[in-house]
Amino acid sequence: MNHSEDEKSLQTRLDNLSKTLDADRATSQKTAEDGKASAANARDTNLGSRFLSEFMGAVLLGGLAGWGIDKWLHTSPLGLIVMLVLGFVVGIWNIYRMAAARSR
């Protein structure tokens, strides 16, 4: 082999290596972007679950408290209605506070 053949062979190998590296970089970048999107989706899902649990917890707790008040004071269904409405309002307020804190 002479010197020019060695250079051509080396240049071909370098070109192939360059193409492989470019493809690997593109794949790595795509994987990183997918990971960021996946993390954002997980955060949003967790936040939605927290919103739902806060709201449902407030309404259920209000309903149970109203039912207990009605049993204790024999005021059925006034206590249940009042406490369900209060639980609904508290649930909405909790969601509002969480959303406002997230937007800051």
C-alpha atoms as a PDB file:
ATOM      1  CA  MET A   1       0.000   0.000   0.000  1.00  0.00           C
ATOM      2  CA  ASN A   2       1.235   3.427  -0.750  1.00  0.00           C
ATOM      3  CA  HIS A   3       0.756   6.637   1.124  1.00  0.00           C
ATOM      4  CA  SER A   4      -2.279   7.922  -0.884  1.00  0.00           C
ATOM      5  CA  GLU A   5      -4.181   4.664  -0.352  1.00  0.00           C
ATOM      6  CA  ASP A   6      -3.580   4.939   3.386  1.00  0.00           C
ATOM      7  CA  GLU A   7      -4.879   8.479   3.387  1.00  0.00           C
ATOM      8  CA  LYS A   8      -8.007   7.484   1.413  1.00  0.00           C
ATOM      9  CA  SER A   9      -8.628   4.573   3.761  1.00  0.00           C
ATOM     10  CA  LEU A  10      -8.150   6.810   6.787  1.00  0.00           C
ATOM     11  CA  GLN A  11     -10.424   9.488   5.323  1.00  0.00           C
ATOM     12  CA  THR A  12     -13.128   6.894   4.627  1.00  0.00           C
ATOM     13  CA  ARG A  13     -12.914   5.586   8.187  1.00  0.00           C
ATOM     14  CA  LEU A  14     -13.051   9.138   9.570  1.00  0.00           C
ATOM     15  CA  ASP A  15     -16.106   9.947   7.433  1.00  0.00           C
ATOM     16  CA  ASN A  16     -17.865   6.801   8.657  1.00  0.00           C
ATOM     17  CA  LEU A  17     -16.997   7.649  12.257  1.00  0.00           C
ATOM     18  CA  SER A  18     -18.282  11.187  11.801  1.00  0.00           C
ATOM     19  CA  LYS A  19     -21.599   9.911  10.416  1.00  0.00           C
ATOM     20  CA  THR A  20     -21.945   7.462  13.298  1.00  0.00           C
ATOM     21  CA  LEU A  21     -21.230  10.175  15.861  1.00  0.00           C
ATOM     22  CA  ASP A  22     -23.760  12.529  14.256  1.00  0.00           C
ATOM     23  CA  ALA A  23     -26.413   9.805  14.352  1.00  0.00           C
ATOM     24  CA  ASP A  24     -25.616   9.050  18.009  1.00  0.00           C
ATOM     25  CA  ARG A  25     -25.843  12.745  18.919  1.00  0.00           C
ATOM     26  CA  ALA A  26     -29.228  13.034  17.228  1.00  0.00           C
ATOM     27  CA  THR A  27     -30.479   9.937  19.066  1.00  0.00           C
ATOM     28  CA  SER A  28     -29.170  11.240  22.399  1.00  0.00           C
ATOM     29  CA  GLN A  29     -30.823  14.609  21.875  1.00  0.00           C
ATOM     30  CA  LYS A  30     -34.148  12.965  20.979  1.00  0.00           C
ATOM     31  CA  THR A  31     -33.940  10.739  24.059  1.00  0.00           C
ATOM     32  CA  ALA A  32     -33.242  13.760  26.286  1.00  0.00           C
ATOM     33  CA  GLU A  33     -36.209  15.653  24.810  1.00  0.00           C
ATOM     34  CA  ASP A  34     -38.466  12.626  25.301  1.00  0.00           C
ATOM     35  CA  GLY A  35     -37.290  12.354  28.905  1.00  0.00           C
ATOM     36  CA  LYS A  36     -38.128  16.003  29.570  1.00  0.00           C
ATOM     37  CA  ALA A  37     -41.599  15.575  28.060  1.00  0.00           C
ATOM     38  CA  SER A  38     -42.147  12.405  30.067  1.00  0.00           C
ATOM     39  CA  ALA A  39     -41.140  14.156  33.305  1.00  0.00           C
ATOM     40  CA  ALA A  40     -43.489  17.044  32.539  1.00  0.00           C
ATOM     41  CA  ASN A  41     -46.337  14.615  31.892  1.00  0.00           C
ATOM     42  CA  ALA A  42     -45.642  12.855  35.186  1.00  0.00           C
ATOM     43  CA  ARG A  43     -45.648  16.172  37.069  1.00  0.00           C
ATOM     44  CA  ASP A  44     -48.929  17.195  35.455  1.00  0.00           C
ATOM     45  CA  THR A  45     -50.508  13.835  36.238  1.00  0.00           C
ATOM     46  CA  ASN A  46     -49.378  14.081  39.853  1.00  0.00           C
ATOM     47  CA  LEU A  47     -50.760  17.592  40.122  1.00  0.00           C
ATOM     48  CA  GLY A  48     -54.098  16.525  38.643  1.00  0.00           C
ATOM     49  CA  SER A  49     -54.289  13.635  41.106  1.00  0.00           C
ATOM     50  CA  ARG A  50     -53.537  16.005  43.947  1.00  0.00           C
ATOM     51  CA  PHE A  51     -56.249  18.416  42.769  1.00  0.00           C
ATOM     52  CA  LEU A  52     -58.765  15.577  42.633  1.00  0.00           C
ATOM     53  CA  SER A  53     -57.829  14.168  46.036  1.00  0.00           C
ATOM     54  CA  GLU A  54     -57.947  17.599  47.703  1.00  0.00           C
ATOM     55  CA  PHE A  55     -61.350  18.339  46.228  1.00  0.00           C
ATOM     56  CA  MET A  56     -62.883  14.926  46.909  1.00  0.00           C
ATOM     57  CA  GLY A  57     -61.416  14.846  50.406  1.00  0.00           C
ATOM     58  CA  ALA A  58     -62.956  18.198  51.279  1.00  0.00           C
ATOM     59  CA  VAL A  59     -66.389  17.227  49.909  1.00  0.00           C
ATOM     60  CA  LEU A  60     -66.359  13.799  51.590  1.00  0.00           C
ATOM     61  CA  LEU A  61     -65.177  15.208  54.894  1.00  0.00           C
ATOM     62  CA  GLY A  62     -67.853  17.885  54.724  1.00  0.00           C
ATOM     63  CA  GLY A  63     -70.497  15.269  53.939  1.00  0.00           C
ATOM     64  CA  LEU A  64     -69.408  13.023  56.795  1.00  0.00           C
ATOM     65  CA  ALA A  65     -69.294  15.950  59.201  1.00  0.00           C
ATOM     66  CA  GLY A  66     -72.793  17.028  58.086  1.00  0.00           C
ATOM     67  CA  TRP A  67     -74.133  13.507  58.489  1.00  0.00           C
ATOM     68  CA  GLY A  68     -72.612  13.342  61.985  1.00  0.00           C
ATOM     69  CA  ILE A  69     -74.094  16.713  62.921  1.00  0.00           C
ATOM     70  CA  ASP A  70     -77.512  15.578  61.659  1.00  0.00           C
ATOM     71  CA  LYS A  71     -77.323  12.376  63.745  1.00  0.00           C
ATOM     72  CA  TRP A  72     -76.183  14.262  66.813  1.00  0.00           C
ATOM     73  CA  LEU A  73     -78.607  17.231  66.611  1.00  0.00           C
ATOM     74  CA  HIS A  74     -81.472  15.501  64.742  1.00  0.00           C
ATOM     75  CA  THR A  75     -81.514  18.185  62.052  1.00  0.00           C
ATOM     76  CA  SER A  76     -81.593  15.933  59.000  1.00  0.00           C
ATOM     77  CA  PRO A  77     -80.823  16.907  56.167  1.00  0.00           C
ATOM     78  CA  LEU A  78     -79.870  20.501  57.001  1.00  0.00           C
ATOM     79  CA  GLY A  79     -76.425  19.706  58.443  1.00  0.00           C
ATOM     80  CA  LEU A  80     -75.568  17.415  55.533  1.00  0.00           C
ATOM     81  CA  ILE A  81     -76.524  20.018  52.927  1.00  0.00           C
ATOM     82  CA  VAL A  82     -74.685  22.870  54.666  1.00  0.00           C
ATOM     83  CA  MET A  83     -71.521  20.843  55.235  1.00  0.00           C
ATOM     84  CA  LEU A  84     -71.512  19.434  51.683  1.00  0.00           C
ATOM     85  CA  VAL A  85     -71.687  22.976  50.309  1.00  0.00           C
ATOM     86  CA  LEU A  86     -68.964  24.055  52.723  1.00  0.00           C
ATOM     87  CA  GLY A  87     -66.820  21.071  51.687  1.00  0.00           C
ATOM     88  CA  PHE A  88     -67.337  21.978  48.022  1.00  0.00           C
ATOM     89  CA  VAL A  89     -66.253  25.572  48.664  1.00  0.00           C
ATOM     90  CA  VAL A  90     -63.204  24.449  50.634  1.00  0.00           C
ATOM     91  CA  GLY A  91     -62.281  21.980  47.868  1.00  0.00           C
ATOM     92  CA  ILE A  92     -62.467  24.689  45.213  1.00  0.00           C
ATOM     93  CA  TRP A  93     -60.447  27.040  47.425  1.00  0.00           C
ATOM     94  CA  ASN A  94     -57.726  24.403  47.898  1.00  0.00           C
ATOM     95  CA  ILE A  95     -57.484  23.864  44.134  1.00  0.00           C
ATOM     96  CA  TYR A  96     -57.289  27.618  43.578  1.00  0.00           C
ATOM     97  CA  ARG A  97     -54.470  27.969  46.124  1.00  0.00           C
ATOM     98  CA  MET A  98     -52.473  25.122  44.584  1.00  0.00           C
ATOM     99  CA  ALA A  99     -52.939  26.465  41.059  1.00  0.00           C
ATOM    100  CA  ALA A 100     -51.927  29.976  42.144  1.00  0.00           C
ATOM    101  CA  ALA A 101     -48.807  28.642  43.881  1.00  0.00           C
ATOM    102  CA  ARG A 102     -47.870  26.657  40.753  1.00  0.00           C
ATOM    103  CA  SER A 103     -48.258  29.654  38.446  1.00  0.00           C
ATOM    104  CA  ARG A 104     -45.771  31.734  40.466  1.00  0.00           C
END
